[in-house]
Amino acid sequence: VQLQASGGGSVQAGGSLRVSCAVSGRIFSIVDIGWYRQAPGKQREFVATITTGGNTNYADSVKGRFTISRDSAKNTVYLQMNSLKPEDTAVYYCGANALNGGRWSKYWGQGTQVTVSS
């Protein structure tokens, strides 16, 4: 499984950005795809995830502001980020959990920087 993140950038507080994660490889093995972020000096944290069944889950800090979605035809997962705050500044990574022959694997894409200025 290969993940390619894109779409980060800089925006003022209150603005919006959308990041994308293009997925390729053994897509059939994927159970869920999510977005995670890592701010300078902090550990990587969960942001949102979407399962192959379409179920979504969000961190409390982004509920009501961020929306995760997918386009199955394009094998792409999106994270629409609205009402951005300076504390949302981080490198955003997409990650996938896959199940192959009873073994779980975690795959990561490269990060994309999101910077929110006050």
C-alpha atoms as a PDB file:
ATOM      1  CA  VAL A   1       0.000   0.000   0.000  1.00  0.00           C
ATOM      2  CA  GLN A   2       1.314   3.416  -0.980  1.00  0.00           C
ATOM      3  CA  LEU A   3      -0.093   6.706   0.279  1.00  0.00           C
ATOM      4  CA  GLN A   4       0.604  10.112  -1.259  1.00  0.00           C
ATOM      5  CA  ALA A   5      -0.521  13.156   0.683  1.00  0.00           C
ATOM      6  CA  SER A   6      -0.919  16.574  -0.862  1.00  0.00           C
ATOM      7  CA  GLY A   7      -2.731  19.853  -0.498  1.00  0.00           C
ATOM      8  CA  GLY A   8      -1.244  21.477   2.563  1.00  0.00           C
ATOM      9  CA  GLY A   9      -0.448  25.152   2.719  1.00  0.00           C
ATOM     10  CA  SER A  10      -0.741  28.328   4.715  1.00  0.00           C
ATOM     11  CA  VAL A  11      -3.939  30.041   5.722  1.00  0.00           C
ATOM     12  CA  GLN A  12      -5.149  32.593   8.225  1.00  0.00           C
ATOM     13  CA  ALA A  13      -7.182  31.597  11.233  1.00  0.00           C
ATOM     14  CA  GLY A  14     -10.777  30.969  10.300  1.00  0.00           C
ATOM     15  CA  GLY A  15      -9.836  29.835   6.825  1.00  0.00           C
ATOM     16  CA  SER A  16     -10.143  26.476   5.110  1.00  0.00           C
ATOM     17  CA  LEU A  17      -7.858  23.940   3.484  1.00  0.00           C
ATOM     18  CA  ARG A  18      -8.327  20.505   2.003  1.00  0.00           C
ATOM     19  CA  VAL A  19      -5.667  17.836   2.057  1.00  0.00           C
ATOM     20  CA  SER A  20      -5.778  14.725  -0.092  1.00  0.00           C
ATOM     21  CA  CYS A  21      -4.381  11.215   0.244  1.00  0.00           C
ATOM     22  CA  ALA A  22      -4.046   9.174  -2.936  1.00  0.00           C
ATOM     23  CA  VAL A  23      -3.942   5.441  -2.278  1.00  0.00           C
ATOM     24  CA  SER A  24      -2.425   2.750  -4.483  1.00  0.00           C
ATOM     25  CA  GLY A  25      -1.243  -0.834  -4.225  1.00  0.00           C
ATOM     26  CA  ARG A  26      -3.105  -3.542  -2.300  1.00  0.00           C
ATOM     27  CA  ILE A  27      -6.130  -1.370  -1.707  1.00  0.00           C
ATOM     28  CA  PHE A  28      -8.381  -4.371  -1.091  1.00  0.00           C
ATOM     29  CA  SER A  29      -6.478  -5.093   2.129  1.00  0.00           C
ATOM     30  CA  ILE A  30      -7.202  -1.682   3.649  1.00  0.00           C
ATOM     31  CA  VAL A  31      -9.575  -1.568   6.614  1.00  0.00           C
ATOM     32  CA  ASP A  32      -9.447   2.148   7.306  1.00  0.00           C
ATOM     33  CA  ILE A  33      -7.582   5.292   6.304  1.00  0.00           C
ATOM     34  CA  GLY A  34      -7.024   8.203   8.590  1.00  0.00           C
ATOM     35  CA  TRP A  35      -5.348  11.520   9.049  1.00  0.00           C
ATOM     36  CA  TYR A  36      -2.877  12.219  11.805  1.00  0.00           C
ATOM     37  CA  ARG A  37      -0.854  15.289  12.615  1.00  0.00           C
ATOM     38  CA  GLN A  38       2.351  16.173  14.375  1.00  0.00           C
ATOM     39  CA  ALA A  39       3.134  19.643  15.639  1.00  0.00           C
ATOM     40  CA  PRO A  40       6.707  20.693  16.452  1.00  0.00           C
ATOM     41  CA  GLY A  41       7.845  19.166  19.703  1.00  0.00           C
ATOM     42  CA  LYS A  42       4.720  17.050  20.048  1.00  0.00           C
ATOM     43  CA  GLN A  43       3.801  13.461  19.366  1.00  0.00           C
ATOM     44  CA  ARG A  44       1.803  12.441  16.347  1.00  0.00           C
ATOM     45  CA  GLU A  45      -1.905  12.501  17.139  1.00  0.00           C
ATOM     46  CA  PHE A  46      -5.056  11.108  15.616  1.00  0.00           C
ATOM     47  CA  VAL A  47      -7.274  13.509  13.679  1.00  0.00           C
ATOM     48  CA  ALA A  48      -9.892  11.517  11.770  1.00  0.00           C
ATOM     49  CA  THR A  49     -10.455   8.167  10.159  1.00  0.00           C
ATOM     50  CA  ILE A  50     -12.838   6.582   7.670  1.00  0.00           C
ATOM     51  CA  THR A  51     -13.440   2.866   7.250  1.00  0.00           C
ATOM     52  CA  THR A  52     -14.083   0.986   4.033  1.00  0.00           C
ATOM     53  CA  GLY A  53     -17.695   0.870   5.171  1.00  0.00           C
ATOM     54  CA  GLY A  54     -17.811   4.652   5.340  1.00  0.00           C
ATOM     55  CA  ASN A  55     -17.854   5.007   9.115  1.00  0.00           C
ATOM     56  CA  THR A  56     -16.010   8.065  10.364  1.00  0.00           C
ATOM     57  CA  ASN A  57     -14.418   9.036  13.626  1.00  0.00           C
ATOM     58  CA  TYR A  58     -12.905  12.334  14.732  1.00  0.00           C
ATOM     59  CA  ALA A  59     -10.721  13.675  17.464  1.00  0.00           C
ATOM     60  CA  ASP A  60     -12.678  15.912  19.824  1.00  0.00           C
ATOM     61  CA  SER A  61     -10.466  18.859  18.903  1.00  0.00           C
ATOM     62  CA  VAL A  62     -11.627  18.825  15.275  1.00  0.00           C
ATOM     63  CA  LYS A  63     -15.242  17.673  15.541  1.00  0.00           C
ATOM     64  CA  GLY A  64     -17.570  20.032  13.755  1.00  0.00           C
ATOM     65  CA  ARG A  65     -14.707  21.688  11.855  1.00  0.00           C
ATOM     66  CA  PHE A  66     -13.049  18.880   9.892  1.00  0.00           C
ATOM     67  CA  THR A  67     -14.676  16.379   7.561  1.00  0.00           C
ATOM     68  CA  ILE A  68     -13.066  13.212   6.239  1.00  0.00           C
ATOM     69  CA  SER A  69     -14.408  11.748   3.019  1.00  0.00           C
ATOM     70  CA  ARG A  70     -13.404   9.462   0.213  1.00  0.00           C
ATOM     71  CA  ASP A  71     -13.751   9.150  -3.532  1.00  0.00           C
ATOM     72  CA  SER A  72     -13.570   5.438  -4.247  1.00  0.00           C
ATOM     73  CA  ALA A  73     -13.345   5.982  -7.997  1.00  0.00           C
ATOM     74  CA  LYS A  74     -10.203   8.044  -7.485  1.00  0.00           C
ATOM     75  CA  ASN A  75      -8.834   5.975  -4.581  1.00  0.00           C
ATOM     76  CA  THR A  76      -8.458   9.200  -2.663  1.00  0.00           C
ATOM     77  CA  VAL A  77      -9.319  10.254   0.870  1.00  0.00           C
ATOM     78  CA  TYR A  78      -9.834  13.897   1.701  1.00  0.00           C
ATOM     79  CA  LEU A  79      -9.749  15.954   4.867  1.00  0.00           C
ATOM     80  CA  GLN A  80     -11.685  19.187   4.564  1.00  0.00           C
ATOM     81  CA  MET A  81     -10.567  21.559   7.292  1.00  0.00           C
ATOM     82  CA  ASN A  82     -12.742  24.567   8.102  1.00  0.00           C
ATOM     83  CA  SER A  83     -12.541  27.212  10.810  1.00  0.00           C
ATOM     84  CA  LEU A  84      -8.853  26.541  11.144  1.00  0.00           C
ATOM     85  CA  LYS A  85      -7.050  27.627  14.284  1.00  0.00           C
ATOM     86  CA  PRO A  86      -3.352  28.307  14.893  1.00  0.00           C
ATOM     87  CA  GLU A  87      -3.234  25.171  17.034  1.00  0.00           C
ATOM     88  CA  ASP A  88      -4.106  23.135  13.932  1.00  0.00           C
ATOM     89  CA  THR A  89      -0.645  23.948  12.587  1.00  0.00           C
ATOM     90  CA  ALA A  90       1.193  20.677  12.047  1.00  0.00           C
ATOM     91  CA  VAL A  91       2.488  18.231   9.500  1.00  0.00           C
ATOM     92  CA  TYR A  92      -0.489  16.136   8.438  1.00  0.00           C
ATOM     93  CA  TYR A  93       0.027  12.481   7.574  1.00  0.00           C
ATOM     94  CA  CYS A  94      -2.356   9.949   6.100  1.00  0.00           C
ATOM     95  CA  GLY A  95      -2.149   6.456   7.444  1.00  0.00           C
ATOM     96  CA  ALA A  96      -3.847   3.187   6.548  1.00  0.00           C
ATOM     97  CA  ASN A  97      -4.508   0.041   8.518  1.00  0.00           C
ATOM     98  CA  ALA A  98      -4.521  -3.074   6.366  1.00  0.00           C
ATOM     99  CA  LEU A  99      -5.251  -6.701   7.075  1.00  0.00           C
ATOM    100  CA  ASN A 100      -3.474  -9.377   5.025  1.00  0.00           C
ATOM    101  CA  GLY A 101      -3.682 -13.045   5.844  1.00  0.00           C
ATOM    102  CA  GLY A 102      -4.645 -12.260   9.418  1.00  0.00           C
ATOM    103  CA  ARG A 103      -1.741  -9.859   9.937  1.00  0.00           C
ATOM    104  CA  TRP A 104      -2.252  -6.166  10.554  1.00  0.00           C
ATOM    105  CA  SER A 105      -0.001  -3.622   8.899  1.00  0.00           C
ATOM    106  CA  LYS A 106       0.190   0.175   9.186  1.00  0.00           C
ATOM    107  CA  TYR A 107       1.181   2.281   6.227  1.00  0.00           C
ATOM    108  CA  TRP A 108       2.114   5.959   6.200  1.00  0.00           C
ATOM    109  CA  GLY A 109       2.300   8.563   3.525  1.00  0.00           C
ATOM    110  CA  GLN A 110       4.704  11.459   3.582  1.00  0.00           C
ATOM    111  CA  GLY A 111       3.468  14.481   5.470  1.00  0.00           C
ATOM    112  CA  THR A 112       2.061  17.713   4.168  1.00  0.00           C
ATOM    113  CA  GLN A 113       2.523  20.945   6.095  1.00  0.00           C
ATOM    114  CA  VAL A 114      -0.490  22.937   7.258  1.00  0.00           C
ATOM    115  CA  THR A 115       0.237  26.335   8.773  1.00  0.00           C
ATOM    116  CA  VAL A 116      -2.463  28.514  10.316  1.00  0.00           C
ATOM    117  CA  SER A 117      -1.528  32.057  11.240  1.00  0.00           C
ATOM    118  CA  SER A 118      -3.378  34.213  13.731  1.00  0.00           C
END
